[in-house]
Amino acid sequence: TDDEIDKIEELLGWMREKFEEGDLVSYSEGNARLHRTIA
């Protein structure tokens, strides 16, 4: 749905922020959430 697409785009943006901060542990947590959300 459109709302679900908005959700994964927002999550990807959060992951990008964590990547730029060098926080790879949080990035990894976002990675897992993204895969679960897509499922």
PDB file of all heavy atoms in Angstrom:
ATOM      1  N   THR A   1       0.847  -1.190   0.000  1.00  0.00           N
ATOM      2  CA  THR A   1       0.000   0.000   0.000  1.00  0.00           C
ATOM      3  C   THR A   1       0.888   1.247   0.000  1.00  0.00           C
ATOM      4  O   THR A   1       2.093   1.177   0.269  1.00  0.00           O
ATOM      5  CB  THR A   1      -0.898   0.032   1.243  1.00  0.00           C
ATOM      6  OG1 THR A   1      -0.062   0.180   2.415  1.00  0.00           O
ATOM      7  CG2 THR A   1      -1.717  -1.245   1.362  1.00  0.00           C
ATOM      8  N   ASP A   2       0.283   2.395  -0.267  1.00  0.00           N
ATOM      9  CA  ASP A   2       1.047   3.648  -0.244  1.00  0.00           C
ATOM     10  C   ASP A   2       1.631   3.902   1.149  1.00  0.00           C
ATOM     11  O   ASP A   2       2.783   4.360   1.276  1.00  0.00           O
ATOM     12  CB  ASP A   2       0.150   4.821  -0.654  1.00  0.00           C
ATOM     13  CG  ASP A   2      -0.227   4.771  -2.132  1.00  0.00           C
ATOM     14  OD1 ASP A   2       0.456   4.061  -2.901  1.00  0.00           O
ATOM     15  OD2 ASP A   2      -1.216   5.447  -2.505  1.00  0.00           O
ATOM     16  N   ASP A   3       0.857   3.625   2.173  1.00  0.00           N
ATOM     17  CA  ASP A   3       1.346   3.835   3.543  1.00  0.00           C
ATOM     18  C   ASP A   3       2.531   2.931   3.848  1.00  0.00           C
ATOM     19  O   ASP A   3       3.488   3.345   4.525  1.00  0.00           O
ATOM     20  CB  ASP A   3       0.225   3.574   4.548  1.00  0.00           C
ATOM     21  CG  ASP A   3      -0.816   4.676   4.571  1.00  0.00           C
ATOM     22  OD1 ASP A   3      -0.536   5.776   4.036  1.00  0.00           O
ATOM     23  OD2 ASP A   3      -1.913   4.443   5.104  1.00  0.00           O
ATOM     24  N   GLU A   4       2.495   1.692   3.368  1.00  0.00           N
ATOM     25  CA  GLU A   4       3.599   0.768   3.604  1.00  0.00           C
ATOM     26  C   GLU A   4       4.859   1.215   2.871  1.00  0.00           C
ATOM     27  O   GLU A   4       5.970   1.087   3.394  1.00  0.00           O
ATOM     28  CB  GLU A   4       3.190  -0.642   3.173  1.00  0.00           C
ATOM     29  CG  GLU A   4       2.188  -1.280   4.119  1.00  0.00           C
ATOM     30  CD  GLU A   4       1.624  -2.578   3.584  1.00  0.00           C
ATOM     31  OE1 GLU A   4       1.576  -2.744   2.343  1.00  0.00           O
ATOM     32  OE2 GLU A   4       1.219  -3.423   4.396  1.00  0.00           O
ATOM     33  N   ILE A   5       4.684   1.744   1.674  1.00  0.00           N
ATOM     34  CA  ILE A   5       5.835   2.267   0.934  1.00  0.00           C
ATOM     35  C   ILE A   5       6.435   3.461   1.673  1.00  0.00           C
ATOM     36  O   ILE A   5       7.663   3.586   1.794  1.00  0.00           O
ATOM     37  CB  ILE A   5       5.436   2.629  -0.502  1.00  0.00           C
ATOM     38  CG1 ILE A   5       5.176   1.344  -1.299  1.00  0.00           C
ATOM     39  CG2 ILE A   5       6.525   3.464  -1.174  1.00  0.00           C
ATOM     40  CD1 ILE A   5       4.622   1.576  -2.677  1.00  0.00           C
ATOM     41  N   ASP A   6       5.584   4.332   2.187  1.00  0.00           N
ATOM     42  CA  ASP A   6       6.073   5.463   2.986  1.00  0.00           C
ATOM     43  C   ASP A   6       6.878   4.951   4.185  1.00  0.00           C
ATOM     44  O   ASP A   6       7.913   5.533   4.550  1.00  0.00           O
ATOM     45  CB  ASP A   6       4.907   6.313   3.484  1.00  0.00           C
ATOM     46  CG  ASP A   6       4.255   7.118   2.370  1.00  0.00           C
ATOM     47  OD1 ASP A   6       4.891   7.277   1.297  1.00  0.00           O
ATOM     48  OD2 ASP A   6       3.109   7.577   2.569  1.00  0.00           O
ATOM     49  N   LYS A   7       6.410   3.869   4.779  1.00  0.00           N
ATOM     50  CA  LYS A   7       7.061   3.320   5.970  1.00  0.00           C
ATOM     51  C   LYS A   7       8.469   2.822   5.654  1.00  0.00           C
ATOM     52  O   LYS A   7       9.421   3.117   6.390  1.00  0.00           O
ATOM     53  CB  LYS A   7       6.219   2.187   6.539  1.00  0.00           C
ATOM     54  CG  LYS A   7       6.761   1.586   7.824  1.00  0.00           C
ATOM     55  CD  LYS A   7       5.824   0.518   8.368  1.00  0.00           C
ATOM     56  CE  LYS A   7       6.371  -0.094   9.650  1.00  0.00           C
ATOM     57  NZ  LYS A   7       5.443  -1.120  10.199  1.00  0.00           N
ATOM     58  N   ILE A   8       8.639   2.073   4.553  1.00  0.00           N
ATOM     59  CA  ILE A   8       9.971   1.550   4.255  1.00  0.00           C
ATOM     60  C   ILE A   8      10.899   2.655   3.753  1.00  0.00           C
ATOM     61  O   ILE A   8      12.108   2.601   3.972  1.00  0.00           O
ATOM     62  CB  ILE A   8       9.940   0.366   3.266  1.00  0.00           C
ATOM     63  CG1 ILE A   8       9.305   0.759   1.931  1.00  0.00           C
ATOM     64  CG2 ILE A   8       9.233  -0.820   3.888  1.00  0.00           C
ATOM     65  CD1 ILE A   8       9.439  -0.328   0.863  1.00  0.00           C
ATOM     66  N   GLU A   9      10.343   3.669   3.102  1.00  0.00           N
ATOM     67  CA  GLU A   9      11.184   4.797   2.685  1.00  0.00           C
ATOM     68  C   GLU A   9      11.670   5.573   3.902  1.00  0.00           C
ATOM     69  O   GLU A   9      12.832   6.010   3.945  1.00  0.00           O
ATOM     70  CB  GLU A   9      10.404   5.699   1.730  1.00  0.00           C
ATOM     71  CG  GLU A   9      10.184   5.083   0.362  1.00  0.00           C
ATOM     72  CD  GLU A   9       9.404   5.964  -0.583  1.00  0.00           C
ATOM     73  OE1 GLU A   9       8.604   6.795  -0.085  1.00  0.00           O
ATOM     74  OE2 GLU A   9       9.570   5.833  -1.807  1.00  0.00           O
ATOM     75  N   GLU A  10      10.812   5.726   4.883  1.00  0.00           N
ATOM     76  CA  GLU A  10      11.210   6.403   6.123  1.00  0.00           C
ATOM     77  C   GLU A  10      12.265   5.592   6.864  1.00  0.00           C
ATOM     78  O   GLU A  10      13.243   6.144   7.382  1.00  0.00           O
ATOM     79  CB  GLU A  10       9.982   6.609   7.008  1.00  0.00           C
ATOM     80  CG  GLU A  10      10.282   7.315   8.316  1.00  0.00           C
ATOM     81  CD  GLU A  10       9.033   7.526   9.164  1.00  0.00           C
ATOM     82  OE1 GLU A  10       7.923   7.359   8.619  1.00  0.00           O
ATOM     83  OE2 GLU A  10       9.180   7.848  10.353  1.00  0.00           O
ATOM     84  N   LEU A  11      12.081   4.286   6.904  1.00  0.00           N
ATOM     85  CA  LEU A  11      13.042   3.416   7.575  1.00  0.00           C
ATOM     86  C   LEU A  11      14.384   3.440   6.861  1.00  0.00           C
ATOM     87  O   LEU A  11      15.446   3.476   7.500  1.00  0.00           O
ATOM     88  CB  LEU A  11      12.496   1.992   7.641  1.00  0.00           C
ATOM     89  CG  LEU A  11      13.363   0.942   8.340  1.00  0.00           C
ATOM     90  CD1 LEU A  11      13.796   1.407   9.724  1.00  0.00           C
ATOM     91  CD2 LEU A  11      12.602  -0.375   8.429  1.00  0.00           C
ATOM     92  N   LEU A  12      14.356   3.441   5.540  1.00  0.00           N
ATOM     93  CA  LEU A  12      15.607   3.537   4.780  1.00  0.00           C
ATOM     94  C   LEU A  12      16.320   4.848   5.078  1.00  0.00           C
ATOM     95  O   LEU A  12      17.555   4.874   5.223  1.00  0.00           O
ATOM     96  CB  LEU A  12      15.320   3.424   3.284  1.00  0.00           C
ATOM     97  CG  LEU A  12      16.539   3.543   2.361  1.00  0.00           C
ATOM     98  CD1 LEU A  12      17.489   2.359   2.556  1.00  0.00           C
ATOM     99  CD2 LEU A  12      16.097   3.626   0.894  1.00  0.00           C
ATOM    100  N   GLY A  13      15.570   5.942   5.209  1.00  0.00           N
ATOM    101  CA  GLY A  13      16.169   7.228   5.561  1.00  0.00           C
ATOM    102  C   GLY A  13      16.839   7.186   6.911  1.00  0.00           C
ATOM    103  O   GLY A  13      17.931   7.741   7.112  1.00  0.00           O
ATOM    104  N   TRP A  14      16.206   6.507   7.872  1.00  0.00           N
ATOM    105  CA  TRP A  14      16.794   6.353   9.211  1.00  0.00           C
ATOM    106  C   TRP A  14      18.075   5.531   9.134  1.00  0.00           C
ATOM    107  O   TRP A  14      19.079   5.858   9.781  1.00  0.00           O
ATOM    108  CB  TRP A  14      15.781   5.680  10.120  1.00  0.00           C
ATOM    109  CG  TRP A  14      16.229   5.514  11.533  1.00  0.00           C
ATOM    110  CD1 TRP A  14      16.113   6.415  12.545  1.00  0.00           C
ATOM    111  CD2 TRP A  14      16.885   4.363  12.096  1.00  0.00           C
ATOM    112  NE1 TRP A  14      16.644   5.902  13.712  1.00  0.00           N
ATOM    113  CE2 TRP A  14      17.127   4.649  13.464  1.00  0.00           C
ATOM    114  CE3 TRP A  14      17.288   3.136  11.587  1.00  0.00           C
ATOM    115  CZ2 TRP A  14      17.747   3.743  14.319  1.00  0.00           C
ATOM    116  CZ3 TRP A  14      17.904   2.222  12.436  1.00  0.00           C
ATOM    117  CH2 TRP A  14      18.122   2.532  13.773  1.00  0.00           C
ATOM    118  N   MET A  15      18.064   4.470   8.333  1.00  0.00           N
ATOM    119  CA  MET A  15      19.256   3.653   8.165  1.00  0.00           C
ATOM    120  C   MET A  15      20.396   4.477   7.560  1.00  0.00           C
ATOM    121  O   MET A  15      21.559   4.342   7.960  1.00  0.00           O
ATOM    122  CB  MET A  15      18.952   2.444   7.272  1.00  0.00           C
ATOM    123  CG  MET A  15      18.059   1.402   7.915  1.00  0.00           C
ATOM    124  SD  MET A  15      17.459   0.156   6.734  1.00  0.00           S
ATOM    125  CE  MET A  15      19.013  -0.561   6.168  1.00  0.00           C
ATOM    126  N   ARG A  16      20.061   5.338   6.605  1.00  0.00           N
ATOM    127  CA  ARG A  16      21.084   6.177   5.983  1.00  0.00           C
ATOM    128  C   ARG A  16      21.714   7.119   7.004  1.00  0.00           C
ATOM    129  O   ARG A  16      22.932   7.342   7.005  1.00  0.00           O
ATOM    130  CB  ARG A  16      20.476   6.964   4.819  1.00  0.00           C
ATOM    131  CG  ARG A  16      21.504   7.800   4.039  1.00  0.00           C
ATOM    132  CD  ARG A  16      20.885   8.465   2.828  1.00  0.00           C
ATOM    133  NE  ARG A  16      20.561   7.474   1.798  1.00  0.00           N
ATOM    134  CZ  ARG A  16      19.333   7.099   1.469  1.00  0.00           C
ATOM    135  NH1 ARG A  16      18.289   7.637   2.096  1.00  0.00           N
ATOM    136  NH2 ARG A  16      19.130   6.214   0.526  1.00  0.00           N
ATOM    137  N   GLU A  17      20.867   7.660   7.889  1.00  0.00           N
ATOM    138  CA  GLU A  17      21.383   8.537   8.944  1.00  0.00           C
ATOM    139  C   GLU A  17      22.356   7.792   9.847  1.00  0.00           C
ATOM    140  O   GLU A  17      23.418   8.316  10.202  1.00  0.00           O
ATOM    141  CB  GLU A  17      20.227   9.099   9.776  1.00  0.00           C
ATOM    142  CG  GLU A  17      19.361  10.113   9.045  1.00  0.00           C
ATOM    143  CD  GLU A  17      18.208  10.588   9.916  1.00  0.00           C
ATOM    144  OE1 GLU A  17      18.138  10.173  11.091  1.00  0.00           O
ATOM    145  OE2 GLU A  17      17.376  11.366   9.423  1.00  0.00           O
ATOM    146  N   LYS A  18      21.999   6.580  10.238  1.00  0.00           N
ATOM    147  CA  LYS A  18      22.866   5.788  11.109  1.00  0.00           C
ATOM    148  C   LYS A  18      24.168   5.419  10.396  1.00  0.00           C
ATOM    149  O   LYS A  18      25.239   5.393  11.016  1.00  0.00           O
ATOM    150  CB  LYS A  18      22.138   4.530  11.588  1.00  0.00           C
ATOM    151  CG  LYS A  18      20.934   4.828  12.457  1.00  0.00           C
ATOM    152  CD  LYS A  18      21.316   5.694  13.656  1.00  0.00           C
ATOM    153  CE  LYS A  18      20.126   6.146  14.453  1.00  0.00           C
ATOM    154  NZ  LYS A  18      20.511   7.062  15.570  1.00  0.00           N
ATOM    155  N   PHE A  19      24.068   5.140   9.116  1.00  0.00           N
ATOM    156  CA  PHE A  19      25.270   4.846   8.340  1.00  0.00           C
ATOM    157  C   PHE A  19      26.206   6.055   8.325  1.00  0.00           C
ATOM    158  O   PHE A  19      27.420   5.921   8.530  1.00  0.00           O
ATOM    159  CB  PHE A  19      24.876   4.461   6.905  1.00  0.00           C
ATOM    160  CG  PHE A  19      26.039   4.378   5.960  1.00  0.00           C
ATOM    161  CD1 PHE A  19      26.857   3.260   5.938  1.00  0.00           C
ATOM    162  CD2 PHE A  19      26.323   5.434   5.097  1.00  0.00           C
ATOM    163  CE1 PHE A  19      27.936   3.184   5.072  1.00  0.00           C
ATOM    164  CE2 PHE A  19      27.400   5.360   4.230  1.00  0.00           C
ATOM    165  CZ  PHE A  19      28.211   4.233   4.217  1.00  0.00           C
ATOM    166  N   GLU A  20      25.651   7.226   8.070  1.00  0.00           N
ATOM    167  CA  GLU A  20      26.465   8.443   8.016  1.00  0.00           C
ATOM    168  C   GLU A  20      27.067   8.783   9.366  1.00  0.00           C
ATOM    169  O   GLU A  20      28.149   9.385   9.441  1.00  0.00           O
ATOM    170  CB  GLU A  20      25.614   9.605   7.493  1.00  0.00           C
ATOM    171  CG  GLU A  20      25.219   9.441   6.016  1.00  0.00           C
ATOM    172  CD  GLU A  20      24.210  10.461   5.552  1.00  0.00           C
ATOM    173  OE1 GLU A  20      23.684  11.211   6.422  1.00  0.00           O
ATOM    174  OE2 GLU A  20      23.928  10.511   4.335  1.00  0.00           O
ATOM    175  N   GLU A  21      26.385   8.380  10.448  1.00  0.00           N
ATOM    176  CA  GLU A  21      26.918   8.600  11.796  1.00  0.00           C
ATOM    177  C   GLU A  21      27.961   7.555  12.178  1.00  0.00           C
ATOM    178  O   GLU A  21      28.615   7.678  13.209  1.00  0.00           O
ATOM    179  CB  GLU A  21      25.774   8.558  12.820  1.00  0.00           C
ATOM    180  CG  GLU A  21      24.783   9.709  12.687  1.00  0.00           C
ATOM    181  CD  GLU A  21      23.546   9.504  13.539  1.00  0.00           C
ATOM    182  OE1 GLU A  21      23.476   8.472  14.257  1.00  0.00           O
ATOM    183  OE2 GLU A  21      22.651  10.362  13.495  1.00  0.00           O
ATOM    184  N   GLY A  22      28.091   6.525  11.348  1.00  0.00           N
ATOM    185  CA  GLY A  22      29.024   5.447  11.656  1.00  0.00           C
ATOM    186  C   GLY A  22      28.496   4.466  12.684  1.00  0.00           C
ATOM    187  O   GLY A  22      29.256   3.662  13.242  1.00  0.00           O
ATOM    188  N   ASP A  23      27.194   4.501  12.945  1.00  0.00           N
ATOM    189  CA  ASP A  23      26.572   3.618  13.926  1.00  0.00           C
ATOM    190  C   ASP A  23      26.067   2.362  13.204  1.00  0.00           C
ATOM    191  O   ASP A  23      24.880   2.229  12.891  1.00  0.00           O
ATOM    192  CB  ASP A  23      25.419   4.348  14.618  1.00  0.00           C
ATOM    193  CG  ASP A  23      24.797   3.541  15.755  1.00  0.00           C
ATOM    194  OD1 ASP A  23      25.182   2.366  15.926  1.00  0.00           O
ATOM    195  OD2 ASP A  23      23.924   4.088  16.460  1.00  0.00           O
ATOM    196  N   LEU A  24      26.980   1.425  12.962  1.00  0.00           N
ATOM    197  CA  LEU A  24      26.632   0.253  12.168  1.00  0.00           C
ATOM    198  C   LEU A  24      25.773  -0.748  12.932  1.00  0.00           C
ATOM    199  O   LEU A  24      25.040  -1.526  12.319  1.00  0.00           O
ATOM    200  CB  LEU A  24      27.903  -0.422  11.647  1.00  0.00           C
ATOM    201  CG  LEU A  24      28.735   0.406  10.667  1.00  0.00           C
ATOM    202  CD1 LEU A  24      29.929  -0.399  10.162  1.00  0.00           C
ATOM    203  CD2 LEU A  24      27.879   0.893   9.490  1.00  0.00           C
ATOM    204  N   VAL A  25      25.859  -0.732  14.259  1.00  0.00           N
ATOM    205  CA  VAL A  25      25.003  -1.627  15.043  1.00  0.00           C
ATOM    206  C   VAL A  25      23.540  -1.213  14.881  1.00  0.00           C
ATOM    207  O   VAL A  25      22.662  -2.052  14.623  1.00  0.00           O
ATOM    208  CB  VAL A  25      25.420  -1.631  16.516  1.00  0.00           C
ATOM    209  CG1 VAL A  25      24.414  -2.422  17.350  1.00  0.00           C
ATOM    210  CG2 VAL A  25      26.814  -2.226  16.675  1.00  0.00           C
ATOM    211  N   SER A  26      23.261   0.084  15.009  1.00  0.00           N
ATOM    212  CA  SER A  26      21.894   0.569  14.810  1.00  0.00           C
ATOM    213  C   SER A  26      21.461   0.382  13.358  1.00  0.00           C
ATOM    214  O   SER A  26      20.305   0.041  13.084  1.00  0.00           O
ATOM    215  CB  SER A  26      21.783   2.050  15.198  1.00  0.00           C
ATOM    216  OG  SER A  26      21.975   2.211  16.590  1.00  0.00           O
ATOM    217  N   TYR A  27      22.386   0.605  12.443  1.00  0.00           N
ATOM    218  CA  TYR A  27      22.079   0.372  11.026  1.00  0.00           C
ATOM    219  C   TYR A  27      21.654  -1.075  10.817  1.00  0.00           C
ATOM    220  O   TYR A  27      20.679  -1.359  10.101  1.00  0.00           O
ATOM    221  CB  TYR A  27      23.301   0.693  10.168  1.00  0.00           C
ATOM    222  CG  TYR A  27      23.123   0.318   8.703  1.00  0.00           C
ATOM    223  CD1 TYR A  27      22.589   1.229   7.800  1.00  0.00           C
ATOM    224  CD2 TYR A  27      23.470  -0.944   8.244  1.00  0.00           C
ATOM    225  CE1 TYR A  27      22.412   0.883   6.465  1.00  0.00           C
ATOM    226  CE2 TYR A  27      23.289  -1.300   6.912  1.00  0.00           C
ATOM    227  CZ  TYR A  27      22.771  -0.381   6.032  1.00  0.00           C
ATOM    228  OH  TYR A  27      22.586  -0.733   4.713  1.00  0.00           O
ATOM    229  N   SER A  28      22.352  -2.001  11.448  1.00  0.00           N
ATOM    230  CA  SER A  28      22.026  -3.416  11.321  1.00  0.00           C
ATOM    231  C   SER A  28      20.641  -3.711  11.881  1.00  0.00           C
ATOM    232  O   SER A  28      19.887  -4.523  11.318  1.00  0.00           O
ATOM    233  CB  SER A  28      23.078  -4.258  12.050  1.00  0.00           C
ATOM    234  OG  SER A  28      22.778  -5.625  11.967  1.00  0.00           O
ATOM    235  N   GLU A  29      20.281  -3.062  12.987  1.00  0.00           N
ATOM    236  CA  GLU A  29      18.946  -3.238  13.552  1.00  0.00           C
ATOM    237  C   GLU A  29      17.890  -2.728  12.571  1.00  0.00           C
ATOM    238  O   GLU A  29      16.832  -3.343  12.393  1.00  0.00           O
ATOM    239  CB  GLU A  29      18.839  -2.504  14.882  1.00  0.00           C
ATOM    240  CG  GLU A  29      19.722  -3.105  15.980  1.00  0.00           C
ATOM    241  CD  GLU A  29      19.768  -2.249  17.226  1.00  0.00           C
ATOM    242  OE1 GLU A  29      19.178  -1.141  17.207  1.00  0.00           O
ATOM    243  OE2 GLU A  29      20.382  -2.679  18.215  1.00  0.00           O
ATOM    244  N   GLY A  30      18.175  -1.607  11.917  1.00  0.00           N
ATOM    245  CA  GLY A  30      17.265  -1.082  10.912  1.00  0.00           C
ATOM    246  C   GLY A  30      17.161  -2.012   9.714  1.00  0.00           C
ATOM    247  O   GLY A  30      16.077  -2.190   9.138  1.00  0.00           O
ATOM    248  N   ASN A  31      18.273  -2.611   9.365  1.00  0.00           N
ATOM    249  CA  ASN A  31      18.305  -3.596   8.283  1.00  0.00           C
ATOM    250  C   ASN A  31      17.326  -4.725   8.579  1.00  0.00           C
ATOM    251  O   ASN A  31      16.503  -5.110   7.737  1.00  0.00           O
ATOM    252  CB  ASN A  31      19.747  -4.113   8.155  1.00  0.00           C
ATOM    253  CG  ASN A  31      19.907  -5.252   7.171  1.00  0.00           C
ATOM    254  OD1 ASN A  31      18.976  -5.638   6.481  1.00  0.00           O
ATOM    255  ND2 ASN A  31      21.104  -5.812   7.120  1.00  0.00           N
ATOM    256  N   ALA A  32      17.400  -5.279   9.787  1.00  0.00           N
ATOM    257  CA  ALA A  32      16.507  -6.376  10.168  1.00  0.00           C
ATOM    258  C   ALA A  32      15.052  -5.929  10.146  1.00  0.00           C
ATOM    259  O   ALA A  32      14.170  -6.665   9.673  1.00  0.00           O
ATOM    260  CB  ALA A  32      16.890  -6.892  11.552  1.00  0.00           C
ATOM    261  N   ARG A  33      14.773  -4.711  10.623  1.00  0.00           N
ATOM    262  CA  ARG A  33      13.397  -4.202  10.617  1.00  0.00           C
ATOM    263  C   ARG A  33      12.897  -4.019   9.189  1.00  0.00           C
ATOM    264  O   ARG A  33      11.724  -4.305   8.891  1.00  0.00           O
ATOM    265  CB  ARG A  33      13.314  -2.870  11.368  1.00  0.00           C
ATOM    266  CG  ARG A  33      13.469  -3.004  12.868  1.00  0.00           C
ATOM    267  CD  ARG A  33      12.864  -1.812  13.593  1.00  0.00           C
ATOM    268  NE  ARG A  33      13.429  -0.549  13.175  1.00  0.00           N
ATOM    269  CZ  ARG A  33      14.527   0.000  13.683  1.00  0.00           C
ATOM    270  NH1 ARG A  33      15.203  -0.630  14.634  1.00  0.00           N
ATOM    271  NH2 ARG A  33      14.960   1.177  13.250  1.00  0.00           N
ATOM    272  N   LEU A  34      13.771  -3.561   8.307  1.00  0.00           N
ATOM    273  CA  LEU A  34      13.373  -3.355   6.915  1.00  0.00           C
ATOM    274  C   LEU A  34      12.980  -4.680   6.269  1.00  0.00           C
ATOM    275  O   LEU A  34      11.941  -4.780   5.602  1.00  0.00           O
ATOM    276  CB  LEU A  34      14.506  -2.695   6.132  1.00  0.00           C
ATOM    277  CG  LEU A  34      14.222  -2.433   4.641  1.00  0.00           C
ATOM    278  CD1 LEU A  34      13.065  -1.451   4.482  1.00  0.00           C
ATOM    279  CD2 LEU A  34      15.469  -1.904   3.942  1.00  0.00           C
ATOM    280  N   HIS A  35      13.792  -5.704   6.473  1.00  0.00           N
ATOM    281  CA  HIS A  35      13.483  -7.008   5.892  1.00  0.00           C
ATOM    282  C   HIS A  35      12.183  -7.577   6.473  1.00  0.00           C
ATOM    283  O   HIS A  35      11.384  -8.171   5.733  1.00  0.00           O
ATOM    284  CB  HIS A  35      14.645  -7.980   6.115  1.00  0.00           C
ATOM    285  CG  HIS A  35      15.785  -7.774   5.169  1.00  0.00           C
ATOM    286  ND1 HIS A  35      15.902  -8.475   3.989  1.00  0.00           N
ATOM    287  CD2 HIS A  35      16.845  -6.934   5.218  1.00  0.00           C
ATOM    288  CE1 HIS A  35      17.007  -8.087   3.356  1.00  0.00           C
ATOM    289  NE2 HIS A  35      17.595  -7.155   4.080  1.00  0.00           N
ATOM    290  N   ARG A  36      11.969  -7.387   7.779  1.00  0.00           N
ATOM    291  CA  ARG A  36      10.721  -7.863   8.383  1.00  0.00           C
ATOM    292  C   ARG A  36       9.518  -7.120   7.827  1.00  0.00           C
ATOM    293  O   ARG A  36       8.468  -7.720   7.563  1.00  0.00           O
ATOM    294  CB  ARG A  36      10.765  -7.699   9.907  1.00  0.00           C
ATOM    295  CG  ARG A  36      11.639  -8.709  10.631  1.00  0.00           C
ATOM    296  CD  ARG A  36      11.333  -8.733  12.122  1.00  0.00           C
ATOM    297  NE  ARG A  36      11.533  -7.439  12.751  1.00  0.00           N
ATOM    298  CZ  ARG A  36      12.688  -7.046  13.306  1.00  0.00           C
ATOM    299  NH1 ARG A  36      13.737  -7.839  13.281  1.00  0.00           N
ATOM    300  NH2 ARG A  36      12.781  -5.861  13.867  1.00  0.00           N
ATOM    301  N   THR A  37       9.666  -5.820   7.638  1.00  0.00           N
ATOM    302  CA  THR A  37       8.559  -5.012   7.120  1.00  0.00           C
ATOM    303  C   THR A  37       8.217  -5.408   5.692  1.00  0.00           C
ATOM    304  O   THR A  37       7.038  -5.509   5.325  1.00  0.00           O
ATOM    305  CB  THR A  37       8.919  -3.517   7.179  1.00  0.00           C
ATOM    306  OG1 THR A  37       9.241  -3.157   8.527  1.00  0.00           O
ATOM    307  CG2 THR A  37       7.754  -2.657   6.694  1.00  0.00           C
ATOM    308  N   ILE A  38       9.224  -5.642   4.876  1.00  0.00           N
ATOM    309  CA  ILE A  38       8.984  -6.078   3.500  1.00  0.00           C
ATOM    310  C   ILE A  38       8.266  -7.425   3.494  1.00  0.00           C
ATOM    311  O   ILE A  38       7.357  -7.664   2.686  1.00  0.00           O
ATOM    312  CB  ILE A  38      10.310  -6.143   2.712  1.00  0.00           C
ATOM    313  CG1 ILE A  38      10.862  -4.735   2.511  1.00  0.00           C
ATOM    314  CG2 ILE A  38      10.119  -6.837   1.361  1.00  0.00           C
ATOM    315  CD1 ILE A  38      12.264  -4.695   1.921  1.00  0.00           C
ATOM    316  N   ALA A  39       8.646  -8.312   4.406  1.00  0.00           N
ATOM    317  CA  ALA A  39       7.981  -9.607   4.507  1.00  0.00           C
ATOM    318  C   ALA A  39       6.502  -9.431   4.866  1.00  0.00           C
ATOM    319  O   ALA A  39       5.631 -10.103   4.303  1.00  0.00           O
ATOM    320  CB  ALA A  39       8.682 -10.479   5.541  1.00  0.00           C
TER     321      ALA A  39
END
